[in-house]
Amino acid sequence: MLRFSVNISMLFGEVEWLARFQRPAAGGFDAVELLWPRGVDLDDLVKAKEAAGVTVTLFNVDAGDMPAGERGFAGDPTRRDWWRERFETAADAGHLTQPVA
C-alpha cells in the first residue's frame, strides 16, 4: 500500500504556519514533511503535530538563507561548524517529533 505525506512548508501558505498541520489531517493524510521550521518554537511544533494527529516523516536541515540563494553547506569546508550545529539541532528536533514508544 502506498503512503503519502504532505509537505506543509510548500502547501497551505494561506494559514499560519503551525495551523498547517491540521490541513493534511482534515484531508485524510496522516503524515507530513517540512522544510526547516525557521523561527518556529520546536515545542509549539510538537504540540501542533500531536493536536493534528499526524506523523512527521521528513524535515530538512536548515539550509541557510534560501531567498538569497543559499542551499546548505554540507560540502563547504569553511561552513563545517555552521552546518554541524544545524545538523545536531535537526537531529534533536527529529527525536522530539517522533511518537513516544
N, C-alpha and C. Protein backbone atom coordinates (compact mmCIF):
# COMPACT_ATOMS: atom_id res chain seq x y z
N MET A 1 0.83 -1.18 0.00
CA MET A 1 0.00 0.00 0.00
C MET A 1 0.89 1.25 0.00
N LEU A 2 0.60 2.17 -0.88
CA LEU A 2 1.33 3.43 -0.93
C LEU A 2 0.87 4.35 0.19
N ARG A 3 1.84 5.06 0.76
CA ARG A 3 1.52 6.09 1.75
C ARG A 3 2.15 7.38 1.27
N PHE A 4 1.46 8.45 1.47
CA PHE A 4 1.94 9.76 1.05
C PHE A 4 2.01 10.69 2.25
N SER A 5 2.96 11.61 2.20
CA SER A 5 3.00 12.68 3.19
C SER A 5 2.86 14.00 2.45
N VAL A 6 2.37 14.99 3.15
CA VAL A 6 2.10 16.30 2.57
C VAL A 6 3.17 17.28 3.07
N ASN A 7 3.82 18.01 2.15
CA ASN A 7 4.83 18.98 2.54
C ASN A 7 4.15 20.27 2.95
N ILE A 8 4.09 20.50 4.26
CA ILE A 8 3.37 21.68 4.76
C ILE A 8 4.17 22.97 4.64
N SER A 9 5.44 22.87 4.29
CA SER A 9 6.21 24.09 4.03
C SER A 9 5.86 24.68 2.67
N MET A 10 5.46 23.82 1.76
CA MET A 10 5.17 24.27 0.40
C MET A 10 3.68 24.42 0.13
N LEU A 11 2.86 23.87 0.98
CA LEU A 11 1.41 23.93 0.81
C LEU A 11 0.77 24.65 1.98
N PHE A 12 -0.43 25.10 1.79
CA PHE A 12 -1.24 25.72 2.84
C PHE A 12 -0.67 27.04 3.35
N GLY A 13 -0.01 27.77 2.47
CA GLY A 13 0.57 29.05 2.84
C GLY A 13 -0.44 30.11 3.24
N GLU A 14 -1.70 29.82 3.01
CA GLU A 14 -2.75 30.79 3.36
C GLU A 14 -3.08 30.78 4.85
N VAL A 15 -2.54 29.80 5.59
CA VAL A 15 -2.81 29.75 7.03
C VAL A 15 -1.51 29.91 7.81
N GLU A 16 -1.63 30.29 9.06
CA GLU A 16 -0.49 30.44 9.96
C GLU A 16 0.28 29.12 9.97
N TRP A 17 1.60 29.20 10.14
CA TRP A 17 2.46 28.04 9.92
C TRP A 17 2.06 26.83 10.75
N LEU A 18 1.88 26.98 12.04
CA LEU A 18 1.57 25.82 12.87
C LEU A 18 0.18 25.26 12.58
N ALA A 19 -0.72 26.07 12.05
CA ALA A 19 -2.06 25.59 11.69
C ALA A 19 -2.01 24.67 10.47
N ARG A 20 -0.90 24.69 9.76
CA ARG A 20 -0.78 23.85 8.56
C ARG A 20 -0.81 22.36 8.89
N PHE A 21 -0.49 21.97 10.11
CA PHE A 21 -0.55 20.55 10.48
C PHE A 21 -1.97 20.02 10.40
N GLN A 22 -2.95 20.88 10.63
CA GLN A 22 -4.35 20.45 10.63
C GLN A 22 -4.87 20.19 9.21
N ARG A 23 -4.37 20.89 8.23
CA ARG A 23 -4.89 20.78 6.87
C ARG A 23 -4.74 19.37 6.28
N PRO A 24 -3.56 18.76 6.31
CA PRO A 24 -3.47 17.40 5.77
C PRO A 24 -4.34 16.42 6.54
N ALA A 25 -4.38 16.58 7.86
CA ALA A 25 -5.20 15.69 8.68
C ALA A 25 -6.66 15.79 8.27
N ALA A 26 -7.12 17.01 8.01
CA ALA A 26 -8.51 17.21 7.58
C ALA A 26 -8.77 16.59 6.21
N GLY A 27 -7.72 16.45 5.40
CA GLY A 27 -7.85 15.85 4.08
C GLY A 27 -7.60 14.35 4.05
N GLY A 28 -7.42 13.75 5.21
CA GLY A 28 -7.25 12.31 5.27
C GLY A 28 -5.81 11.81 5.28
N PHE A 29 -4.85 12.71 5.32
CA PHE A 29 -3.44 12.30 5.38
C PHE A 29 -3.02 12.17 6.84
N ASP A 30 -2.16 11.20 7.11
CA ASP A 30 -1.69 11.04 8.48
C ASP A 30 -0.20 11.33 8.64
N ALA A 31 0.43 11.85 7.58
CA ALA A 31 1.87 12.13 7.62
C ALA A 31 2.17 13.45 6.91
N VAL A 32 3.15 14.18 7.48
CA VAL A 32 3.57 15.45 6.89
C VAL A 32 5.09 15.48 6.80
N GLU A 33 5.58 16.34 5.92
CA GLU A 33 7.00 16.64 5.85
C GLU A 33 7.14 18.14 5.76
N LEU A 34 8.34 18.65 6.08
CA LEU A 34 8.51 20.09 6.09
C LEU A 34 9.97 20.46 5.88
N LEU A 35 10.16 21.65 5.34
CA LEU A 35 11.49 22.23 5.29
C LEU A 35 11.83 22.66 6.72
N TRP A 36 13.01 23.18 6.92
CA TRP A 36 13.39 23.60 8.26
C TRP A 36 12.42 24.65 8.78
N PRO A 37 11.87 24.46 9.97
CA PRO A 37 10.88 25.40 10.51
C PRO A 37 11.53 26.63 11.13
N ARG A 38 12.13 27.46 10.32
CA ARG A 38 12.85 28.65 10.79
C ARG A 38 11.92 29.58 11.57
N GLY A 39 12.36 29.93 12.77
CA GLY A 39 11.60 30.86 13.59
C GLY A 39 10.42 30.25 14.33
N VAL A 40 10.27 28.93 14.26
CA VAL A 40 9.17 28.26 14.94
C VAL A 40 9.72 27.55 16.17
N ASP A 41 9.09 27.77 17.31
CA ASP A 41 9.48 27.08 18.53
C ASP A 41 9.19 25.58 18.38
N LEU A 42 10.19 24.75 18.62
CA LEU A 42 10.02 23.31 18.40
C LEU A 42 8.99 22.69 19.34
N ASP A 43 8.87 23.21 20.55
CA ASP A 43 7.84 22.70 21.45
C ASP A 43 6.45 22.98 20.88
N ASP A 44 6.26 24.17 20.31
CA ASP A 44 4.98 24.51 19.67
C ASP A 44 4.73 23.62 18.45
N LEU A 45 5.79 23.31 17.71
CA LEU A 45 5.67 22.43 16.55
C LEU A 45 5.19 21.05 16.99
N VAL A 46 5.78 20.52 18.04
CA VAL A 46 5.38 19.20 18.54
C VAL A 46 3.92 19.22 18.99
N LYS A 47 3.51 20.27 19.68
CA LYS A 47 2.12 20.38 20.12
C LYS A 47 1.16 20.42 18.93
N ALA A 48 1.52 21.17 17.89
CA ALA A 48 0.66 21.27 16.71
C ALA A 48 0.58 19.92 15.99
N LYS A 49 1.69 19.23 15.89
CA LYS A 49 1.73 17.90 15.27
C LYS A 49 0.85 16.93 16.03
N GLU A 50 1.00 16.92 17.35
CA GLU A 50 0.22 16.00 18.17
C GLU A 50 -1.27 16.33 18.13
N ALA A 51 -1.61 17.62 18.15
CA ALA A 51 -3.02 18.02 18.09
C ALA A 51 -3.66 17.59 16.78
N ALA A 52 -2.87 17.60 15.70
CA ALA A 52 -3.40 17.19 14.39
C ALA A 52 -3.43 15.68 14.23
N GLY A 53 -2.66 14.97 15.05
CA GLY A 53 -2.63 13.52 14.95
C GLY A 53 -1.86 13.00 13.75
N VAL A 54 -0.86 13.77 13.31
CA VAL A 54 -0.05 13.36 12.16
C VAL A 54 1.35 12.98 12.61
N THR A 55 2.05 12.27 11.74
CA THR A 55 3.44 11.90 11.95
C THR A 55 4.31 12.76 11.05
N VAL A 56 5.43 13.23 11.57
CA VAL A 56 6.41 13.94 10.73
C VAL A 56 7.33 12.88 10.13
N THR A 57 7.28 12.75 8.82
CA THR A 57 8.09 11.73 8.15
C THR A 57 9.44 12.25 7.68
N LEU A 58 9.55 13.58 7.49
CA LEU A 58 10.79 14.14 6.98
C LEU A 58 10.81 15.63 7.26
N PHE A 59 11.96 16.12 7.65
CA PHE A 59 12.22 17.55 7.58
C PHE A 59 13.69 17.74 7.32
N ASN A 60 14.00 18.85 6.69
CA ASN A 60 15.36 19.10 6.24
C ASN A 60 16.17 19.84 7.29
N VAL A 61 17.48 19.73 7.16
CA VAL A 61 18.40 20.54 7.95
C VAL A 61 18.32 21.97 7.43
N ASP A 62 18.46 22.93 8.31
CA ASP A 62 18.47 24.34 7.93
C ASP A 62 19.47 24.56 6.80
N ALA A 63 19.03 25.11 5.68
CA ALA A 63 19.88 25.29 4.51
C ALA A 63 20.44 26.70 4.40
N GLY A 64 20.14 27.55 5.37
CA GLY A 64 20.63 28.92 5.31
C GLY A 64 19.56 29.86 4.77
N ASP A 65 20.00 30.96 4.18
CA ASP A 65 19.10 31.98 3.65
C ASP A 65 18.69 31.60 2.23
N MET A 66 17.63 30.82 2.11
CA MET A 66 17.23 30.33 0.79
C MET A 66 16.84 31.44 -0.17
N PRO A 67 16.12 32.49 0.26
CA PRO A 67 15.82 33.57 -0.69
C PRO A 67 17.07 34.23 -1.27
N ALA A 68 18.18 34.18 -0.52
CA ALA A 68 19.44 34.76 -1.00
C ALA A 68 20.24 33.76 -1.84
N GLY A 69 19.70 32.54 -2.03
CA GLY A 69 20.37 31.56 -2.86
C GLY A 69 21.13 30.48 -2.12
N GLU A 70 21.17 30.56 -0.79
CA GLU A 70 21.87 29.51 -0.04
C GLU A 70 21.05 28.22 -0.09
N ARG A 71 21.75 27.10 -0.18
CA ARG A 71 21.08 25.80 -0.26
C ARG A 71 21.82 24.74 0.55
N GLY A 72 22.35 25.10 1.69
CA GLY A 72 23.04 24.13 2.53
C GLY A 72 24.53 24.20 2.35
N PHE A 73 25.24 23.65 3.33
CA PHE A 73 26.69 23.81 3.34
C PHE A 73 27.43 22.55 3.72
N ALA A 74 26.83 21.38 3.55
CA ALA A 74 27.48 20.14 3.93
C ALA A 74 28.79 19.93 3.18
N GLY A 75 28.91 20.45 1.97
CA GLY A 75 30.10 20.26 1.16
C GLY A 75 31.07 21.43 1.19
N ASP A 76 30.82 22.42 2.04
CA ASP A 76 31.67 23.61 2.10
C ASP A 76 32.51 23.55 3.37
N PRO A 77 33.81 23.27 3.25
CA PRO A 77 34.65 23.13 4.45
C PRO A 77 34.72 24.39 5.30
N THR A 78 34.48 25.55 4.71
CA THR A 78 34.52 26.78 5.50
C THR A 78 33.28 26.95 6.36
N ARG A 79 32.22 26.18 6.07
CA ARG A 79 30.97 26.27 6.83
C ARG A 79 30.70 25.01 7.66
N ARG A 80 31.75 24.23 7.87
CA ARG A 80 31.60 22.95 8.56
C ARG A 80 30.95 23.13 9.94
N ASP A 81 31.42 24.04 10.74
CA ASP A 81 30.87 24.23 12.09
C ASP A 81 29.42 24.70 12.03
N TRP A 82 29.14 25.62 11.11
CA TRP A 82 27.76 26.11 10.92
C TRP A 82 26.83 24.95 10.60
N TRP A 83 27.26 24.12 9.64
CA TRP A 83 26.43 23.00 9.21
C TRP A 83 26.28 21.97 10.32
N ARG A 84 27.35 21.64 11.01
CA ARG A 84 27.29 20.64 12.08
C ARG A 84 26.32 21.07 13.18
N GLU A 85 26.35 22.35 13.54
CA GLU A 85 25.43 22.86 14.56
C GLU A 85 23.98 22.69 14.11
N ARG A 86 23.69 23.02 12.86
CA ARG A 86 22.32 22.87 12.35
C ARG A 86 21.91 21.41 12.24
N PHE A 87 22.85 20.55 11.87
CA PHE A 87 22.55 19.12 11.78
C PHE A 87 22.21 18.56 13.16
N GLU A 88 22.98 18.93 14.17
CA GLU A 88 22.70 18.45 15.53
C GLU A 88 21.35 18.96 16.03
N THR A 89 21.02 20.21 15.71
CA THR A 89 19.72 20.75 16.08
C THR A 89 18.61 19.97 15.38
N ALA A 90 18.81 19.66 14.11
CA ALA A 90 17.79 18.89 13.37
C ALA A 90 17.64 17.49 13.95
N ALA A 91 18.74 16.87 14.33
CA ALA A 91 18.66 15.53 14.92
C ALA A 91 17.89 15.58 16.23
N ASP A 92 18.14 16.59 17.05
CA ASP A 92 17.39 16.75 18.30
C ASP A 92 15.91 16.96 18.01
N ALA A 93 15.61 17.78 17.01
CA ALA A 93 14.21 18.03 16.65
C ALA A 93 13.55 16.77 16.14
N GLY A 94 14.30 15.94 15.43
CA GLY A 94 13.75 14.68 14.95
C GLY A 94 13.31 13.79 16.08
N HIS A 95 14.08 13.78 17.14
CA HIS A 95 13.69 12.99 18.30
C HIS A 95 12.43 13.55 18.95
N LEU A 96 12.31 14.87 18.96
CA LEU A 96 11.12 15.50 19.56
C LEU A 96 9.85 15.19 18.79
N THR A 97 9.96 15.07 17.47
CA THR A 97 8.75 14.92 16.65
C THR A 97 8.29 13.48 16.49
N GLN A 98 9.05 12.54 17.00
CA GLN A 98 8.67 11.13 16.87
C GLN A 98 7.75 10.71 18.01
N PRO A 99 6.87 9.76 17.76
CA PRO A 99 6.00 9.28 18.82
C PRO A 99 6.79 8.64 19.94
N VAL A 100 6.30 8.79 21.14
CA VAL A 100 6.93 8.15 22.29
C VAL A 100 6.58 6.67 22.26
N ALA A 101 7.60 5.82 22.36
CA ALA A 101 7.37 4.36 22.31
C ALA A 101 7.00 3.83 23.67
